[in-house]
Amino acid sequence: MSRFASTTPEPPYYAVIFSSQRRGDDTGYAAMAERMVELAALQRGFLGVESCRDADGFGITVSYWDSPVAIAAWKADVEHLRAQALGRSDWYAHYELRIARVERAHAFDAPEAAAQP
């Protein structure tokens, strides 16, 4: 499975950028994060997600959506609302959320010969 979102169309589309600093223990965070990705993938307008977290608990998750309406519907999903509340009460020391319209996008793949040492 690729770590890159693979279903984004030609721009424009939207990116929800969620940067967070985790608190200590997991206390169910990993399972909830996995469930949120599964649930988001079922939402109308979902295009993909990319996520990473470092050893100190700082992470960035970018989800891609086809419209602001789809983003608003995801924000209001009942199960997602529960996860948001748990994030504020149990999991995050700080987070920031940004929504951006993607105007341009391009990709690069190294040639096979150049990618090998």
Protein backbone atom coordinates (compact mmCIF):
# COMPACT_ATOMS: atom_id res chain seq x y z
CA MET A 1 0.00 0.00 0.00
CA SER A 2 1.34 3.42 -0.97
CA ARG A 3 1.75 6.11 1.64
CA PHE A 4 0.60 8.63 -0.95
CA ALA A 5 -3.03 9.43 -1.66
CA SER A 6 -3.59 7.87 -5.06
CA THR A 7 -7.07 8.95 -6.03
CA THR A 8 -6.72 12.72 -6.25
CA PRO A 9 -8.11 14.12 -9.50
CA GLU A 10 -6.77 17.01 -11.49
CA PRO A 11 -7.04 20.21 -9.41
CA PRO A 12 -8.88 21.98 -8.08
CA TYR A 13 -9.76 19.98 -4.99
CA TYR A 14 -9.36 20.59 -1.26
CA ALA A 15 -6.85 19.57 1.43
CA VAL A 16 -7.59 19.43 5.14
CA ILE A 17 -4.26 19.70 6.95
CA PHE A 18 -4.33 18.51 10.55
CA SER A 19 -1.08 19.07 12.49
CA SER A 20 -1.02 17.75 16.05
CA GLN A 21 1.13 17.17 19.06
CA ARG A 22 0.14 14.03 20.93
CA ARG A 23 0.19 13.59 24.67
CA GLY A 24 1.80 10.47 26.23
CA ASP A 25 0.04 7.11 26.22
CA ASP A 26 -1.90 5.64 23.31
CA THR A 27 -5.11 4.89 25.28
CA GLY A 28 -6.95 3.79 22.15
CA TYR A 29 -5.59 6.47 19.82
CA ALA A 30 -4.13 4.13 17.18
CA ALA A 31 -7.36 2.16 16.85
CA MET A 32 -9.42 5.34 16.59
CA ALA A 33 -7.06 6.86 14.02
CA GLU A 34 -7.34 3.71 11.90
CA ARG A 35 -11.14 3.77 12.23
CA MET A 36 -11.28 7.44 11.18
CA VAL A 37 -9.36 6.66 7.98
CA GLU A 38 -11.72 3.76 7.25
CA LEU A 39 -14.77 5.93 7.94
CA ALA A 40 -13.48 8.92 5.96
CA ALA A 41 -12.91 6.64 2.96
CA LEU A 42 -16.64 5.86 2.97
CA GLN A 43 -17.66 9.53 2.86
CA ARG A 44 -18.92 11.12 -0.32
CA GLY A 45 -16.23 13.40 -1.74
CA PHE A 46 -13.26 11.73 0.00
CA LEU A 47 -10.24 11.51 -2.32
CA GLY A 48 -7.43 10.16 -0.14
CA VAL A 49 -5.25 10.68 2.91
CA GLU A 50 -1.56 10.94 3.80
CA SER A 51 -0.31 10.81 7.39
CA CYS A 52 2.89 10.63 9.41
CA ARG A 53 3.92 10.98 13.05
CA ASP A 54 7.40 11.26 14.58
CA ALA A 55 8.77 9.62 17.72
CA ASP A 56 8.03 12.77 19.77
CA GLY A 57 4.32 12.61 18.92
CA PHE A 58 4.18 15.40 16.32
CA GLY A 59 2.06 14.38 13.32
CA ILE A 60 0.53 15.72 10.16
CA THR A 61 -2.46 14.21 8.40
CA VAL A 62 -3.65 15.62 5.09
CA SER A 63 -7.00 14.45 3.80
CA TYR A 64 -8.19 15.35 0.31
CA TRP A 65 -11.79 16.18 -0.60
CA ASP A 66 -13.69 17.21 -3.70
CA SER A 67 -15.58 20.13 -2.10
CA PRO A 68 -16.11 22.24 1.00
CA VAL A 69 -19.52 20.55 1.35
CA ALA A 70 -17.83 17.14 1.65
CA ILE A 71 -15.42 18.54 4.27
CA ALA A 72 -18.32 19.97 6.30
CA ALA A 73 -20.18 16.66 6.16
CA TRP A 74 -17.07 14.82 7.40
CA LYS A 75 -16.61 17.31 10.23
CA ALA A 76 -20.24 16.72 11.31
CA ASP A 77 -20.14 12.89 11.15
CA VAL A 78 -21.29 11.55 14.54
CA GLU A 79 -18.46 9.05 14.95
CA HIS A 80 -15.93 11.68 13.85
CA LEU A 81 -17.40 14.14 16.38
CA ARG A 82 -16.77 11.56 19.11
CA ALA A 83 -13.16 11.14 17.99
CA GLN A 84 -12.72 14.93 17.94
CA ALA A 85 -13.95 15.17 21.55
CA LEU A 86 -11.59 12.38 22.65
CA GLY A 87 -8.75 14.13 20.87
CA ARG A 88 -9.33 17.30 22.86
CA SER A 89 -9.84 15.52 26.19
CA ASP A 90 -7.33 12.64 25.96
CA TRP A 91 -4.91 12.63 23.04
CA TYR A 92 -3.73 16.06 21.89
CA ALA A 93 -1.65 18.64 23.71
CA HIS A 94 -2.16 20.98 20.72
CA TYR A 95 -3.46 20.83 17.17
CA GLU A 96 -4.00 23.12 14.22
CA LEU A 97 -6.36 22.58 11.31
CA ARG A 98 -6.09 24.28 7.96
CA ILE A 99 -8.21 23.92 4.85
CA ALA A 100 -6.73 24.79 1.48
CA ARG A 101 -7.82 24.67 -2.13
CA VAL A 102 -5.29 22.77 -4.23
CA GLU A 103 -4.74 24.73 -7.43
CA ARG A 104 -1.81 22.78 -8.88
CA ALA A 105 -0.30 19.37 -8.29
CA HIS A 106 2.45 17.33 -9.89
CA ALA A 107 4.44 14.22 -9.04
CA PHE A 108 7.85 12.71 -9.70
CA ASP A 109 9.02 9.10 -9.91
CA ALA A 110 12.74 8.35 -10.07
CA PRO A 111 13.74 6.10 -12.97
CA GLU A 112 14.35 2.53 -11.84
CA ALA A 113 18.09 2.67 -12.62
CA ALA A 114 18.58 5.89 -10.66
CA ALA A 115 16.62 4.61 -7.66
CA GLN A 116 19.00 1.68 -7.01
CA PRO A 117 22.27 2.24 -5.09
